[in-house]
Protein backbone atom coordinates (compact mmCIF):
# COMPACT_ATOMS: atom_id res chain seq x y z
CA MET A 1 152.89 79.25 -43.13
CA SER A 2 154.61 76.29 -44.79
CA GLY A 3 155.19 72.98 -43.04
CA ASP A 4 158.90 73.70 -42.75
CA GLU A 5 158.23 77.13 -41.22
CA ALA A 6 155.80 75.60 -38.71
CA ARG A 7 158.39 73.00 -37.68
CA SER A 8 161.02 75.70 -37.31
CA ASP A 9 158.73 77.82 -35.15
CA LEU A 10 157.84 74.85 -32.94
CA LEU A 11 161.50 74.01 -32.43
CA THR A 12 162.34 77.63 -31.64
CA ALA A 13 159.41 77.79 -29.23
CA LEU A 14 160.62 74.71 -27.37
CA ARG A 15 164.12 76.16 -27.12
CA ILE A 16 162.75 79.45 -25.77
CA LEU A 17 160.56 77.62 -23.25
CA GLU A 18 163.48 75.52 -22.02
CA ALA A 19 165.86 78.48 -21.82
CA ASN A 20 163.34 80.36 -19.67
CA GLY A 21 162.45 77.53 -17.31
CA ILE A 22 158.95 76.84 -18.62
CA ILE A 23 159.88 73.28 -19.58
CA ASP A 24 162.62 71.19 -18.01
CA PHE A 25 163.55 67.54 -18.61
CA ASN A 26 159.82 67.09 -19.22
CA GLY A 27 157.30 69.41 -20.81
CA HIS A 28 156.12 69.74 -24.37
CA ALA A 29 154.64 72.00 -27.00
CA SER A 30 152.62 71.16 -30.07
CA ILE A 31 151.11 72.66 -33.17
CA ARG A 32 147.90 71.51 -34.79
CA ARG A 33 148.13 69.70 -38.11
CA GLU A 34 145.27 68.82 -40.41
CA SER A 35 145.38 65.20 -39.30
CA GLY A 36 146.54 65.66 -35.70
CA ALA A 37 149.52 67.48 -34.23
CA LEU A 38 153.28 67.85 -34.23
CA ILE A 39 154.93 67.59 -30.79
CA ASN A 40 158.34 66.91 -29.26
CA SER A 41 158.87 63.24 -28.47
CA GLY A 42 158.64 61.87 -24.98
CA ARG A 43 162.28 60.85 -24.82
CA SER A 44 163.68 64.04 -26.35
CA VAL A 45 166.36 65.87 -24.37
CA ARG A 46 164.75 69.28 -23.98
CA SER A 47 168.08 71.10 -23.63
CA ARG A 48 169.37 69.90 -27.03
CA LEU A 49 166.31 69.56 -29.23
CA THR A 50 166.62 69.17 -32.98
CA ASP A 51 164.09 68.78 -35.76
CA ALA A 52 164.49 65.00 -35.42
CA ASP A 53 162.85 65.23 -31.98
CA LEU A 54 159.54 66.42 -33.45
CA VAL A 55 156.99 63.63 -33.99
CA ALA A 56 153.62 63.57 -35.70
CA VAL A 57 150.54 62.18 -33.94
CA ASP A 58 147.02 61.60 -35.18
CA ALA A 59 143.91 63.23 -33.70
CA ASP A 60 143.89 60.64 -30.89
CA GLY A 61 147.55 61.10 -29.99
CA ARG A 62 148.88 57.98 -31.70
CA GLY A 63 152.32 58.29 -33.22
CA GLU A 64 153.51 56.89 -36.50
CA PRO A 65 154.76 53.28 -36.55
CA GLY A 66 158.49 53.07 -35.96
CA ALA A 67 158.83 56.71 -34.89
CA ASP A 68 159.73 57.91 -31.41
CA ALA A 69 156.72 57.88 -29.08
CA PRO A 70 155.01 61.15 -28.14
CA PRO A 71 155.01 62.24 -24.49
CA MET A 72 152.61 60.41 -22.18
CA GLU A 73 150.64 63.63 -21.73
CA VAL A 74 149.90 64.00 -25.44
CA HIS A 75 146.22 63.60 -24.51
CA LEU A 76 146.32 67.07 -23.00
CA HIS A 77 147.07 68.48 -26.44
CA THR A 78 144.66 66.35 -28.46
CA ALA A 79 141.79 66.98 -26.03
CA ILE A 80 142.21 70.74 -26.36
CA TYR A 81 142.37 70.49 -30.15
CA HIS A 82 139.19 68.38 -30.16
CA ARG A 83 137.32 70.90 -28.01
CA ARG A 84 138.71 74.15 -29.42
CA PRO A 85 138.88 74.47 -33.22
CA ASP A 86 140.30 77.99 -32.75
CA ILE A 87 143.44 76.67 -31.03
CA GLY A 88 146.52 76.03 -33.15
CA ALA A 89 149.18 75.43 -30.47
CA VAL A 90 149.44 74.12 -26.91
CA VAL A 91 152.25 74.44 -24.35
CA HIS A 92 152.57 72.40 -21.17
CA GLY A 93 155.41 73.13 -18.77
CA HIS A 94 156.50 72.99 -15.15
CA PRO A 95 157.70 76.51 -14.33
CA THR A 96 158.63 77.37 -10.75
CA TRP A 97 156.62 80.44 -9.87
CA SER A 98 153.21 79.63 -11.25
CA THR A 99 153.52 76.12 -9.84
CA LEU A 100 154.20 77.66 -6.42
CA LEU A 101 150.92 79.54 -6.70
CA SER A 102 148.96 76.39 -7.44
CA SER A 103 150.84 74.43 -4.76
CA THR A 104 149.89 76.91 -2.05
CA GLY A 105 146.37 77.61 -3.24
CA THR A 106 147.27 81.24 -3.92
CA PRO A 107 145.03 82.68 -6.64
CA TYR A 108 146.74 84.09 -9.70
CA THR A 109 146.47 87.88 -9.49
CA THR A 110 147.41 90.32 -12.24
CA VAL A 111 150.37 92.29 -10.88
CA TYR A 112 152.13 92.93 -14.21
CA PRO A 113 150.56 94.45 -17.34
CA GLN A 114 151.27 91.52 -19.68
CA GLY A 115 149.96 89.16 -17.00
CA ALA A 116 146.49 90.46 -17.76
CA LEU A 117 146.51 88.68 -21.11
CA VAL A 118 146.05 85.23 -19.58
CA GLY A 119 142.92 86.20 -17.64
CA SER A 120 142.25 84.36 -14.38
CA PRO A 121 143.51 80.82 -14.98
CA PRO A 122 141.46 78.10 -13.26
CA VAL A 123 143.33 75.45 -11.30
CA TYR A 124 143.10 71.75 -12.10
CA ALA A 125 142.84 70.29 -8.62
CA SER A 126 145.10 67.24 -9.02
CA PRO A 127 148.87 66.99 -9.62
CA ARG A 128 148.36 63.79 -11.62
CA SER A 129 149.83 63.34 -15.06
CA ILE A 130 147.47 63.98 -17.94
CA ASN A 131 148.16 60.57 -19.42
CA THR A 132 144.69 59.34 -20.45
CA PRO A 133 142.07 60.76 -22.83
CA ASP A 134 139.58 61.15 -19.96
CA VAL A 135 141.95 63.26 -17.86
CA GLY A 136 142.95 65.27 -20.91
CA SER A 137 139.27 66.00 -21.52
CA GLN A 138 138.89 67.20 -17.93
CA VAL A 139 141.64 69.78 -18.39
CA ALA A 140 140.28 70.83 -21.78
CA GLU A 141 136.85 71.34 -20.25
CA LEU A 142 138.35 73.39 -17.42
CA LEU A 143 140.20 75.53 -19.97
CA GLY A 144 136.84 76.38 -21.51
CA ASP A 145 137.13 79.42 -23.74
CA GLY A 146 140.24 80.70 -21.94
CA CYS A 147 143.91 80.37 -22.75
CA ALA A 148 145.49 79.11 -19.52
CA VAL A 149 145.11 76.51 -16.79
CA LEU A 150 147.27 76.05 -13.71
CA MET A 151 147.72 72.47 -12.52
CA ARG A 152 148.00 71.92 -8.77
CA ALA A 153 151.67 71.39 -7.80
CA HIS A 154 152.35 70.34 -11.38
CA GLY A 155 152.57 73.12 -13.95
CA MET A 156 150.70 75.15 -16.52
CA VAL A 157 148.88 74.76 -19.81
CA ILE A 158 148.64 77.50 -22.42
CA ALA A 159 146.55 77.34 -25.58
CA ALA A 160 146.64 79.92 -28.37
CA ALA A 161 146.01 80.40 -32.07
CA ASP A 162 149.66 79.76 -32.94
CA ILE A 163 152.88 78.61 -31.31
CA ARG A 164 154.41 82.06 -31.09
CA GLY A 165 151.40 83.34 -29.18
CA ALA A 166 151.33 80.31 -26.90
CA THR A 167 155.02 80.70 -26.11
CA VAL A 168 154.75 84.40 -25.30
CA LEU A 169 151.64 83.88 -23.15
CA ALA A 170 153.46 81.16 -21.18
CA LEU A 171 156.31 83.60 -20.52
CA TYR A 172 153.88 86.35 -19.50
CA LEU A 173 152.03 84.06 -17.10
CA GLU A 174 155.24 82.89 -15.43
CA GLU A 175 156.66 86.41 -15.15
CA ASN A 176 153.45 87.61 -13.52
CA ALA A 177 153.59 84.69 -11.08
CA ARG A 178 157.25 85.44 -10.33
CA ARG A 179 156.50 89.07 -9.50
CA GLN A 180 153.47 88.07 -7.46
CA CYS A 181 155.49 85.60 -5.35
CA LEU A 182 158.49 87.92 -4.92
CA ALA A 183 156.30 90.80 -3.78
CA VAL A 184 154.78 88.90 -0.85
CA PRO A 185 157.73 89.26 1.58
CA LEU A 186 157.68 93.02 0.94
CA GLY A 187 153.97 93.41 1.42
CA LYS A 188 150.69 92.60 -0.28
CA PRO A 189 151.21 92.87 -4.05
CA TYR A 190 149.03 95.36 -5.87
CA GLY A 191 146.39 93.54 -7.87
CA PHE A 192 145.16 95.32 -10.98
CA SER A 193 141.52 96.40 -10.97
CA ALA A 194 139.06 95.06 -13.55
CA ASP A 195 139.31 98.32 -15.48
CA GLU A 196 143.11 98.20 -15.42
CA ILE A 197 143.11 94.59 -16.60
CA GLU A 198 140.79 95.45 -19.47
CA ALA A 199 142.94 98.43 -20.44
CA CYS A 200 146.05 96.21 -20.45
CA ARG A 201 144.33 93.67 -22.65
CA LYS A 202 143.26 96.30 -25.15
CA GLY A 203 146.70 97.88 -25.21
CA LEU A 204 148.85 94.75 -25.23
CA ASP A 205 146.91 92.05 -27.07
CA LYS A 206 148.33 93.06 -30.43
CA PRO A 207 150.21 90.99 -33.03
CA ASN A 208 153.11 93.42 -33.27
CA LEU A 209 153.71 93.26 -29.51
CA PHE A 210 153.62 89.46 -29.51
CA ALA A 211 156.09 89.53 -32.40
CA LYS A 212 158.32 91.93 -30.47
CA ALA A 213 158.39 89.60 -27.45
CA TRP A 214 159.00 86.52 -29.63
CA ASP A 215 161.88 88.20 -31.44
CA TYR A 216 163.42 89.31 -28.13
CA TYR A 217 163.46 85.81 -26.63
CA ALA A 218 164.46 84.12 -29.90
CA ALA A 219 167.42 86.48 -30.30
CA LYS A 220 168.72 85.49 -26.87
CA LEU A 221 169.02 81.82 -27.80
CA PRO A 222 172.53 80.51 -28.43
CA PRO A 223 173.26 79.33 -31.98
CA SER A 224 171.77 75.89 -32.58
């Protein structure tokens, strides 16, 4: 993928994430670059992002002189890239339903087939901002070899091989959390068994199905 295509995908991903409540006036997504990462700036207005809102940072999260500053939580992204050479994109947002789970101490349970693809996300125990390298490293360590972390009363982190995958996984996680929360007033939600979770992963963790989901959400965006 060319540099222009990567920038276009990152911008589309951010627009999809904002349109679906994963990011709000804060929140960010990045893609790995050879010398660091590309991420939306800290001051960018997430509901009207343009290519000019994307800023380059080095491997330690430092932006280029004279350019807009990256978000304060850039260390979350760089720490994951340092620890996981297989990761090419990171999303951090503040969606409602998965944040409700972490706020109440309710474990994430697979109640929706695509929700199986994020595994059993661990919970970072503090709602603090990930605004130092040390705290970023703590979250990266908690992520381990997985793809998702919930952050207590704060939000979610998703890491994947590319930005399209990270975006779709963020949407899957939040939709699973939404269904899990909405089911509670009706009765105990059905949690998938280990065998059912494994079957869902085998059946749904496929590039063509991620592409189908990406195309669906991208097509719903208003013209930029």
